[in-house]
PDB file of N, CA and C in Angstrom:
ATOM      1  N   UNK A   1     120.960 112.130 115.089  1.00  0.00           N
ATOM      2  CA  UNK A   1     119.809 112.397 114.242  1.00  0.00           C
ATOM      3  C   UNK A   1     118.765 111.319 114.457  1.00  0.00           C
ATOM      4  N   UNK A   2     117.561 111.717 114.514  1.00  0.00           N
ATOM      5  CA  UNK A   2     116.459 110.766 114.650  1.00  0.00           C
ATOM      6  C   UNK A   2     116.075 110.195 113.294  1.00  0.00           C
ATOM      7  N   UNK A   3     115.306 109.169 113.347  1.00  0.00           N
ATOM      8  CA  UNK A   3     114.724 108.567 112.160  1.00  0.00           C
ATOM      9  C   UNK A   3     113.787 109.584 111.521  1.00  0.00           C
ATOM     10  N   UNK A   4     113.711 109.559 110.196  1.00  0.00           N
ATOM     11  CA  UNK A   4     112.756 110.397 109.465  1.00  0.00           C
ATOM     12  C   UNK A   4     111.972 109.507 108.514  1.00  0.00           C
ATOM     13  N   UNK A   5     110.724 109.877 108.311  1.00  0.00           N
ATOM     14  CA  UNK A   5     109.862 109.147 107.384  1.00  0.00           C
ATOM     15  C   UNK A   5     109.647 110.031 106.167  1.00  0.00           C
ATOM     16  N   UNK A   6     109.953 109.496 104.996  1.00  0.00           N
ATOM     17  CA  UNK A   6     109.878 110.275 103.756  1.00  0.00           C
ATOM     18  C   UNK A   6     108.463 110.279 103.191  1.00  0.00           C
ATOM     19  N   UNK A   7     108.291 111.040 102.134  1.00  0.00           N
ATOM     20  CA  UNK A   7     106.962 111.175 101.530  1.00  0.00           C
ATOM     21  C   UNK A   7     106.530 109.963 100.706  1.00  0.00           C
ATOM     22  N   UNK A   8     107.339 108.908 100.652  1.00  0.00           N
ATOM     23  CA  UNK A   8     106.901 107.688  99.970  1.00  0.00           C
ATOM     24  C   UNK A   8     106.195 106.724 100.936  1.00  0.00           C
ATOM     25  N   UNK A   9     105.967 107.181 102.157  1.00  0.00           N
ATOM     26  CA  UNK A   9     105.253 106.388 103.167  1.00  0.00           C
ATOM     27  C   UNK A   9     103.873 106.000 102.644  1.00  0.00           C
ATOM     28  N   UNK A  10     103.502 104.735 102.821  1.00  0.00           N
ATOM     29  CA  UNK A  10     102.196 104.256 102.384  1.00  0.00           C
ATOM     30  C   UNK A  10     101.192 104.188 103.539  1.00  0.00           C
ATOM     31  N   UNK A  11     101.572 104.685 104.705  1.00  0.00           N
ATOM     32  CA  UNK A  11     100.701 104.760 105.883  1.00  0.00           C
ATOM     33  C   UNK A  11     100.136 103.399 106.296  1.00  0.00           C
ATOM     34  N   UNK A  12     100.997 102.390 106.324  1.00  0.00           N
ATOM     35  CA  UNK A  12     100.538 101.049 106.685  1.00  0.00           C
ATOM     36  C   UNK A  12     100.468 100.841 108.196  1.00  0.00           C
ATOM     37  N   UNK A  13     101.190 101.648 108.961  1.00  0.00           N
ATOM     38  CA  UNK A  13     101.163 101.535 110.413  1.00  0.00           C
ATOM     39  C   UNK A  13     102.197 100.607 111.014  1.00  0.00           C
ATOM     40  N   UNK A  14     102.967  99.921 110.198  1.00  0.00           N
ATOM     41  CA  UNK A  14     103.955  98.978 110.712  1.00  0.00           C
ATOM     42  C   UNK A  14     104.978  99.644 111.628  1.00  0.00           C
ATOM     43  N   UNK A  15     105.411 100.824 111.274  1.00  0.00           N
ATOM     44  CA  UNK A  15     106.429 101.521 112.065  1.00  0.00           C
ATOM     45  C   UNK A  15     105.890 101.924 113.437  1.00  0.00           C
ATOM     46  N   UNK A  16     104.645 102.386 113.471  1.00  0.00           N
ATOM     47  CA  UNK A  16     104.038 102.792 114.748  1.00  0.00           C
ATOM     48  C   UNK A  16     103.974 101.599 115.691  1.00  0.00           C
ATOM     49  N   UNK A  17     103.572 100.454 115.173  1.00  0.00           N
ATOM     50  CA  UNK A  17     103.455  99.250 115.993  1.00  0.00           C
ATOM     51  C   UNK A  17     104.804  98.785 116.536  1.00  0.00           C
ATOM     52  N   UNK A  18     105.876  99.026 115.814  1.00  0.00           N
ATOM     53  CA  UNK A  18     107.198  98.537 116.204  1.00  0.00           C
ATOM     54  C   UNK A  18     108.016  99.508 117.048  1.00  0.00           C
ATOM     55  N   UNK A  19     107.641 100.762 117.095  1.00  0.00           N
ATOM     56  CA  UNK A  19     108.441 101.748 117.834  1.00  0.00           C
ATOM     57  C   UNK A  19     108.368 101.479 119.338  1.00  0.00           C
ATOM     58  N   UNK A  20     109.516 101.167 119.976  1.00  0.00           N
ATOM     59  CA  UNK A  20     109.493 100.817 121.398  1.00  0.00           C
ATOM     60  C   UNK A  20     109.287 102.011 122.329  1.00  0.00           C
ATOM     61  N   UNK A  21     109.433 103.219 121.818  1.00  0.00           N
ATOM     62  CA  UNK A  21     109.304 104.405 122.673  1.00  0.00           C
ATOM     63  C   UNK A  21     108.162 105.319 122.265  1.00  0.00           C
ATOM     64  N   UNK A  22     107.324 104.895 121.327  1.00  0.00           N
ATOM     65  CA  UNK A  22     106.170 105.684 120.927  1.00  0.00           C
ATOM     66  C   UNK A  22     106.516 107.011 120.277  1.00  0.00           C
ATOM     67  N   UNK A  23     107.601 107.037 119.498  1.00  0.00           N
ATOM     68  CA  UNK A  23     108.057 108.282 118.880  1.00  0.00           C
ATOM     69  C   UNK A  23     107.378 108.600 117.556  1.00  0.00           C
ATOM     70  N   UNK A  24     106.596 107.677 117.016  1.00  0.00           N
ATOM     71  CA  UNK A  24     106.002 107.854 115.691  1.00  0.00           C
ATOM     72  C   UNK A  24     104.506 108.097 115.810  1.00  0.00           C
ATOM     73  N   UNK A  25     104.026 109.101 115.060  1.00  0.00           N
ATOM     74  CA  UNK A  25     102.586 109.378 115.001  1.00  0.00           C
ATOM     75  C   UNK A  25     102.130 109.287 113.547  1.00  0.00           C
ATOM     76  N   UNK A  26     100.834 109.069 113.367  1.00  0.00           N
ATOM     77  CA  UNK A  26     100.307 108.944 112.009  1.00  0.00           C
ATOM     78  C   UNK A  26     100.141 110.306 111.343  1.00  0.00           C
ATOM     79  N   UNK A  27      99.743 110.281 110.090  1.00  0.00           N
ATOM     80  CA  UNK A  27      99.639 111.513 109.307  1.00  0.00           C
ATOM     81  C   UNK A  27      98.621 112.495 109.879  1.00  0.00           C
ATOM     82  N   UNK A  28      97.580 112.013 110.522  1.00  0.00           N
ATOM     83  CA  UNK A  28      96.577 112.902 111.111  1.00  0.00           C
ATOM     84  C   UNK A  28      97.136 113.699 112.281  1.00  0.00           C
ATOM     85  N   UNK A  29      98.198 113.189 112.901  1.00  0.00           N
ATOM     86  CA  UNK A  29      98.804 113.849 114.058  1.00  0.00           C
ATOM     87  C   UNK A  29     100.174 114.444 113.754  1.00  0.00           C
ATOM     88  N   UNK A  30     100.549 114.531 112.483  1.00  0.00           N
ATOM     89  CA  UNK A  30     101.836 115.097 112.095  1.00  0.00           C
ATOM     90  C   UNK A  30     101.847 116.593 112.437  1.00  0.00           C
ATOM     91  N   UNK A  31     102.734 117.037 113.331  1.00  0.00           N
ATOM     92  CA  UNK A  31     102.746 118.439 113.733  1.00  0.00           C
ATOM     93  C   UNK A  31     103.160 119.394 112.615  1.00  0.00           C
ATOM     94  N   UNK A  32     103.766 118.872 111.560  1.00  0.00           N
ATOM     95  CA  UNK A  32     104.148 119.706 110.418  1.00  0.00           C
ATOM     96  C   UNK A  32     102.993 119.851 109.431  1.00  0.00           C
ATOM     97  N   UNK A  33     101.921 119.106 109.640  1.00  0.00           N
ATOM     98  CA  UNK A  33     100.766 119.163 108.753  1.00  0.00           C
ATOM     99  C   UNK A  33     100.952 118.385 107.462  1.00  0.00           C
ATOM    100  N   UNK A  34     102.065 117.667 107.341  1.00  0.00           N
ATOM    101  CA  UNK A  34     102.324 116.884 106.130  1.00  0.00           C
ATOM    102  C   UNK A  34     101.477 115.617 106.128  1.00  0.00           C
ATOM    103  N   UNK A  35     101.225 115.110 104.953  1.00  0.00           N
ATOM    104  CA  UNK A  35     100.412 113.914 104.798  1.00  0.00           C
ATOM    105  C   UNK A  35     101.293 112.661 104.840  1.00  0.00           C
ATOM    106  N   UNK A  36     102.014 112.494 105.937  1.00  0.00           N
ATOM    107  CA  UNK A  36     102.842 111.308 106.148  1.00  0.00           C
ATOM    108  C   UNK A  36     103.094 111.143 107.644  1.00  0.00           C
ATOM    109  N   UNK A  37     103.538 109.981 108.008  1.00  0.00           N
ATOM    110  CA  UNK A  37     103.839 109.716 109.407  1.00  0.00           C
ATOM    111  C   UNK A  37     105.010 110.596 109.835  1.00  0.00           C
ATOM    112  N   UNK A  38     105.144 110.806 111.148  1.00  0.00           N
ATOM    113  CA  UNK A  38     106.142 111.730 111.682  1.00  0.00           C
ATOM    114  C   UNK A  38     106.846 111.088 112.875  1.00  0.00           C
ATOM    115  N   UNK A  39     108.150 111.326 112.992  1.00  0.00           N
ATOM    116  CA  UNK A  39     108.939 110.812 114.109  1.00  0.00           C
ATOM    117  C   UNK A  39     109.367 111.994 114.976  1.00  0.00           C
ATOM    118  N   UNK A  40     109.008 111.952 116.252  1.00  0.00           N
ATOM    119  CA  UNK A  40     109.458 112.978 117.192  1.00  0.00           C
ATOM    120  C   UNK A  40     110.924 112.719 117.524  1.00  0.00           C
ATOM    121  N   UNK A  41     111.798 113.623 117.090  1.00  0.00           N
ATOM    122  CA  UNK A  41     113.234 113.461 117.264  1.00  0.00           C
ATOM    123  C   UNK A  41     113.636 113.405 118.736  1.00  0.00           C
ATOM    124  N   UNK A  42     112.908 114.107 119.586  1.00  0.00           N
ATOM    125  CA  UNK A  42     113.284 114.112 121.000  1.00  0.00           C
ATOM    126  C   UNK A  42     112.893 112.827 121.725  1.00  0.00           C
ATOM    127  N   UNK A  43     112.150 111.958 121.062  1.00  0.00           N
ATOM    128  CA  UNK A  43     111.792 110.662 121.639  1.00  0.00           C
ATOM    129  C   UNK A  43     112.545 109.505 120.978  1.00  0.00           C
ATOM    130  N   UNK A  44     112.885 109.656 119.705  1.00  0.00           N
ATOM    131  CA  UNK A  44     113.487 108.568 118.938  1.00  0.00           C
ATOM    132  C   UNK A  44     114.868 108.202 119.469  1.00  0.00           C
ATOM    133  N   UNK A  45     115.096 106.905 119.666  1.00  0.00           N
ATOM    134  CA  UNK A  45     116.388 106.409 120.134  1.00  0.00           C
ATOM    135  C   UNK A  45     117.096 105.573 119.060  1.00  0.00           C
ATOM    136  N   UNK A  46     116.518 105.498 117.877  1.00  0.00           N
ATOM    137  CA  UNK A  46     117.063 104.720 116.763  1.00  0.00           C
ATOM    138  C   UNK A  46     117.349 103.273 117.148  1.00  0.00           C
ATOM    139  N   UNK A  47     116.805 102.827 118.269  1.00  0.00           N
ATOM    140  CA  UNK A  47     116.998 101.467 118.782  1.00  0.00           C
ATOM    141  C   UNK A  47     118.469 101.126 118.977  1.00  0.00           C
ATOM    142  N   UNK A  48     119.267 102.137 119.297  1.00  0.00           N
ATOM    143  CA  UNK A  48     120.701 101.968 119.515  1.00  0.00           C
ATOM    144  C   UNK A  48     120.942 100.962 120.633  1.00  0.00           C
ATOM    145  N   UNK A  49     121.840 100.037 120.380  1.00  0.00           N
ATOM    146  CA  UNK A  49     122.191  99.033 121.369  1.00  0.00           C
ATOM    147  C   UNK A  49     121.254  97.844 121.411  1.00  0.00           C
ATOM    148  N   UNK A  50     120.208  97.852 120.596  1.00  0.00           N
ATOM    149  CA  UNK A  50     119.244  96.759 120.616  1.00  0.00           C
ATOM    150  C   UNK A  50     119.044  96.114 119.250  1.00  0.00           C
ATOM    151  N   UNK A  51     119.227  96.863 118.190  1.00  0.00           N
ATOM    152  CA  UNK A  51     119.031  96.356 116.833  1.00  0.00           C
ATOM    153  C   UNK A  51     120.126  96.910 115.927  1.00  0.00           C
ATOM    154  N   UNK A  52     120.331  96.266 114.798  1.00  0.00           N
ATOM    155  CA  UNK A  52     121.292  96.765 113.811  1.00  0.00           C
ATOM    156  C   UNK A  52     120.770  98.003 113.100  1.00  0.00           C
ATOM    157  N   UNK A  53     119.465  98.155 113.076  1.00  0.00           N
ATOM    158  CA  UNK A  53     118.830  99.332 112.487  1.00  0.00           C
ATOM    159  C   UNK A  53     117.578  99.623 113.298  1.00  0.00           C
ATOM    160  N   UNK A  54     117.014 100.810 113.162  1.00  0.00           N
ATOM    161  CA  UNK A  54     115.793 101.116 113.900  1.00  0.00           C
ATOM    162  C   UNK A  54     114.700 100.078 113.634  1.00  0.00           C
ATOM    163  N   UNK A  55     113.954  99.718 114.672  1.00  0.00           N
ATOM    164  CA  UNK A  55     112.891  98.702 114.554  1.00  0.00           C
ATOM    165  C   UNK A  55     111.853  99.102 113.526  1.00  0.00           C
ATOM    166  N   UNK A  56     111.564 100.393 113.433  1.00  0.00           N
ATOM    167  CA  UNK A  56     110.563 100.846 112.461  1.00  0.00           C
ATOM    168  C   UNK A  56     111.022 100.568 111.033  1.00  0.00           C
ATOM    169  N   UNK A  57     112.309 100.758 110.776  1.00  0.00           N
ATOM    170  CA  UNK A  57     112.839 100.512 109.431  1.00  0.00           C
ATOM    171  C   UNK A  57     112.789  99.032 109.086  1.00  0.00           C
ATOM    172  N   UNK A  58     113.049  98.182 110.076  1.00  0.00           N
ATOM    173  CA  UNK A  58     112.975  96.735 109.847  1.00  0.00           C
ATOM    174  C   UNK A  58     111.558  96.298 109.510  1.00  0.00           C
ATOM    175  N   UNK A  59     110.574  96.953 110.118  1.00  0.00           N
ATOM    176  CA  UNK A  59     109.172  96.578 109.911  1.00  0.00           C
ATOM    177  C   UNK A  59     108.567  97.185 108.653  1.00  0.00           C
ATOM    178  N   UNK A  60     109.152  98.239 108.140  1.00  0.00           N
ATOM    179  CA  UNK A  60     108.575  98.969 107.010  1.00  0.00           C
ATOM    180  C   UNK A  60     108.662  98.168 105.708  1.00  0.00           C
ATOM    181  N   UNK A  61     107.534  98.013 104.998  1.00  0.00           N
ATOM    182  CA  UNK A  61     107.551  97.281 103.734  1.00  0.00           C
ATOM    183  C   UNK A  61     107.981  98.131 102.534  1.00  0.00           C
ATOM    184  N   UNK A  62     108.151  99.440 102.732  1.00  0.00           N
ATOM    185  CA  UNK A  62     108.476 100.338 101.628  1.00  0.00           C
ATOM    186  C   UNK A  62     109.951 100.732 101.682  1.00  0.00           C
ATOM    187  N   UNK A  63     110.730 100.232 100.746  1.00  0.00           N
ATOM    188  CA  UNK A  63     112.162 100.514 100.722  1.00  0.00           C
ATOM    189  C   UNK A  63     112.426 102.008 100.553  1.00  0.00           C
ATOM    190  N   UNK A  64     113.265 102.562 101.421  1.00  0.00           N
ATOM    191  CA  UNK A  64     113.638 103.966 101.340  1.00  0.00           C
ATOM    192  C   UNK A  64     112.677 104.913 102.032  1.00  0.00           C
ATOM    193  N   UNK A  65     111.659 104.381 102.649  1.00  0.00           N
ATOM    194  CA  UNK A  65     110.678 105.232 103.327  1.00  0.00           C
ATOM    195  C   UNK A  65     111.225 105.785 104.638  1.00  0.00           C
ATOM    196  N   UNK A  66     111.952 104.965 105.370  1.00  0.00           N
ATOM    197  CA  UNK A  66     112.487 105.368 106.667  1.00  0.00           C
ATOM    198  C   UNK A  66     113.991 105.521 106.553  1.00  0.00           C
ATOM    199  N   UNK A  67     114.464 106.723 106.891  1.00  0.00           N
ATOM    200  CA  UNK A  67     115.885 107.032 106.763  1.00  0.00           C
ATOM    201  C   UNK A  67     116.437 107.519 108.098  1.00  0.00           C
ATOM    202  N   UNK A  68     117.748 107.374 108.255  1.00  0.00           N
ATOM    203  CA  UNK A  68     118.430 107.853 109.451  1.00  0.00           C
ATOM    204  C   UNK A  68     119.899 107.983 109.122  1.00  0.00           C
ATOM    205  N   UNK A  69     120.601 108.758 109.932  1.00  0.00           N
ATOM    206  CA  UNK A  69     122.037 108.900 109.735  1.00  0.00           C
ATOM    207  C   UNK A  69     122.742 107.849 110.573  1.00  0.00           C
ATOM    208  N   UNK A  70     124.040 107.799 110.445  1.00  0.00           N
ATOM    209  CA  UNK A  70     124.792 106.860 111.264  1.00  0.00           C
ATOM    210  C   UNK A  70     124.669 107.265 112.731  1.00  0.00           C
ATOM    211  N   UNK A  71     124.835 106.299 113.598  1.00  0.00           N
ATOM    212  CA  UNK A  71     124.717 106.542 115.027  1.00  0.00           C
ATOM    213  C   UNK A  71     125.843 107.461 115.486  1.00  0.00           C
ATOM    214  N   UNK A  72     125.482 108.476 116.231  1.00  0.00           N
ATOM    215  CA  UNK A  72     126.444 109.440 116.755  1.00  0.00           C
ATOM    216  C   UNK A  72     126.844 109.049 118.168  1.00  0.00           C
ATOM    217  N   UNK A  73     128.063 109.379 118.549  1.00  0.00           N
ATOM    218  CA  UNK A  73     128.500 109.168 119.915  1.00  0.00           C
ATOM    219  C   UNK A  73     127.577 109.932 120.847  1.00  0.00           C
ATOM    220  N   UNK A  74     127.160 109.289 121.924  1.00  0.00           N
ATOM    221  CA  UNK A  74     126.275 109.934 122.874  1.00  0.00           C
ATOM    222  C   UNK A  74     124.806 109.814 122.526  1.00  0.00           C
ATOM    223  N   UNK A  75     124.475 109.049 121.465  1.00  0.00           N
ATOM    224  CA  UNK A  75     123.076 108.843 121.076  1.00  0.00           C
ATOM    225  C   UNK A  75     122.325 108.248 122.261  1.00  0.00           C
ATOM    226  N   UNK A  76     121.145 108.730 122.562  1.00  0.00           N
ATOM    227  CA  UNK A  76     120.396 108.173 123.694  1.00  0.00           C
ATOM    228  C   UNK A  76     120.015 106.722 123.445  1.00  0.00           C
ATOM    229  N   UNK A  77     119.800 105.991 124.503  1.00  0.00           N
ATOM    230  CA  UNK A  77     119.353 104.615 124.389  1.00  0.00           C
ATOM    231  C   UNK A  77     118.021 104.470 125.098  1.00  0.00           C
ATOM    232  N   UNK A  78     117.397 103.311 124.971  1.00  0.00           N
ATOM    233  CA  UNK A  78     116.120 103.098 125.641  1.00  0.00           C
ATOM    234  C   UNK A  78     116.250 103.278 127.157  1.00  0.00           C
ATOM    235  N   UNK A  79     117.409 102.925 127.701  1.00  0.00           N
ATOM    236  CA  UNK A  79     117.590 103.008 129.146  1.00  0.00           C
ATOM    237  C   UNK A  79     117.542 104.444 129.655  1.00  0.00           C
ATOM    238  N   UNK A  80     118.023 105.402 128.843  1.00  0.00           N
ATOM    239  CA  UNK A  80     118.052 106.775 129.349  1.00  0.00           C
ATOM    240  C   UNK A  80     117.087 107.706 128.639  1.00  0.00           C
ATOM    241  N   UNK A  81     116.195 107.157 127.823  1.00  0.00           N
ATOM    242  CA  UNK A  81     115.221 108.030 127.179  1.00  0.00           C
ATOM    243  C   UNK A  81     114.295 108.580 128.255  1.00  0.00           C
ATOM    244  N   UNK A  82     114.012 109.831 128.168  1.00  0.00           N
ATOM    245  CA  UNK A  82     113.256 110.504 129.210  1.00  0.00           C
ATOM    246  C   UNK A  82     114.172 111.341 130.069  1.00  0.00           C
ATOM    247  N   UNK A  83     115.459 110.982 130.080  1.00  0.00           N
ATOM    248  CA  UNK A  83     116.437 111.822 130.761  1.00  0.00           C
ATOM    249  C   UNK A  83     116.649 113.043 129.893  1.00  0.00           C
ATOM    250  N   UNK A  84     117.071 114.104 130.472  1.00  0.00           N
ATOM    251  CA  UNK A  84     117.301 115.313 129.694  1.00  0.00           C
ATOM    252  C   UNK A  84     118.490 115.098 128.779  1.00  0.00           C
ATOM    253  N   UNK A  85     118.256 115.127 127.513  1.00  0.00           N
ATOM    254  CA  UNK A  85     119.300 114.883 126.530  1.00  0.00           C
ATOM    255  C   UNK A  85     120.138 116.127 126.269  1.00  0.00           C
ATOM    256  N   UNK A  86     119.769 117.241 126.882  1.00  0.00           N
ATOM    257  CA  UNK A  86     120.543 118.475 126.739  1.00  0.00           C
ATOM    258  C   UNK A  86     121.310 118.792 127.998  1.00  0.00           C
ATOM    259  N   UNK A  87     121.423 117.838 128.923  1.00  0.00           N
ATOM    260  CA  UNK A  87     122.186 117.972 130.158  1.00  0.00           C
ATOM    261  C   UNK A  87     121.623 118.975 131.145  1.00  0.00           C
ATOM    262  N   UNK A  88     120.309 119.108 131.236  1.00  0.00           N
ATOM    263  CA  UNK A  88     119.720 119.880 132.318  1.00  0.00           C
ATOM    264  C   UNK A  88     118.912 118.922 133.171  1.00  0.00           C
ATOM    265  N   UNK A  89     118.267 119.390 134.193  1.00  0.00           N
ATOM    266  CA  UNK A  89     117.539 118.514 135.101  1.00  0.00           C
ATOM    267  C   UNK A  89     116.074 118.327 134.719  1.00  0.00           C
ATOM    268  N   UNK A  90     115.657 118.846 133.584  1.00  0.00           N
ATOM    269  CA  UNK A  90     114.275 118.733 133.165  1.00  0.00           C
ATOM    270  C   UNK A  90     114.142 117.670 132.078  1.00  0.00           C
ATOM    271  N   UNK A  91     113.222 116.719 132.230  1.00  0.00           N
ATOM    272  CA  UNK A  91     113.041 115.705 131.173  1.00  0.00           C
ATOM    273  C   UNK A  91     112.623 116.362 129.860  1.00  0.00           C
ATOM    274  N   UNK A  92     113.028 115.735 128.742  1.00  0.00           N
ATOM    275  CA  UNK A  92     112.680 116.242 127.418  1.00  0.00           C
ATOM    276  C   UNK A  92     111.184 116.136 127.200  1.00  0.00           C
ATOM    277  N   UNK A  93     110.573 115.071 127.689  1.00  0.00           N
ATOM    278  CA  UNK A  93     109.133 114.908 127.569  1.00  0.00           C
ATOM    279  C   UNK A  93     108.628 114.280 128.843  1.00  0.00           C
ATOM    280  N   UNK A  94     107.428 114.603 129.173  1.00  0.00           N
ATOM    281  CA  UNK A  94     106.866 114.083 130.436  1.00  0.00           C
ATOM    282  C   UNK A  94     105.641 113.248 130.171  1.00  0.00           C
TER     283      UNK A  94
END
């Protein structure tokens, strides 16, 4: 599961600045049309193998704004992001 940003987001931008893979967009670019920041699940790596928690959550000043589930076996890492996470030969994003 990717990181999710809840509706208590104060739109400070801290998470966008800290995301190492550019998976977070601001409320103006939220594809769901919601008035909060959005995390693209197909890009988010939850900073597995690099931090104890996602970098965006560490940077966020609002407690409970950024949520995620426990790390699942096979979770992508920064090293293989861009590889097809569904086991085909086409990248998830280009």
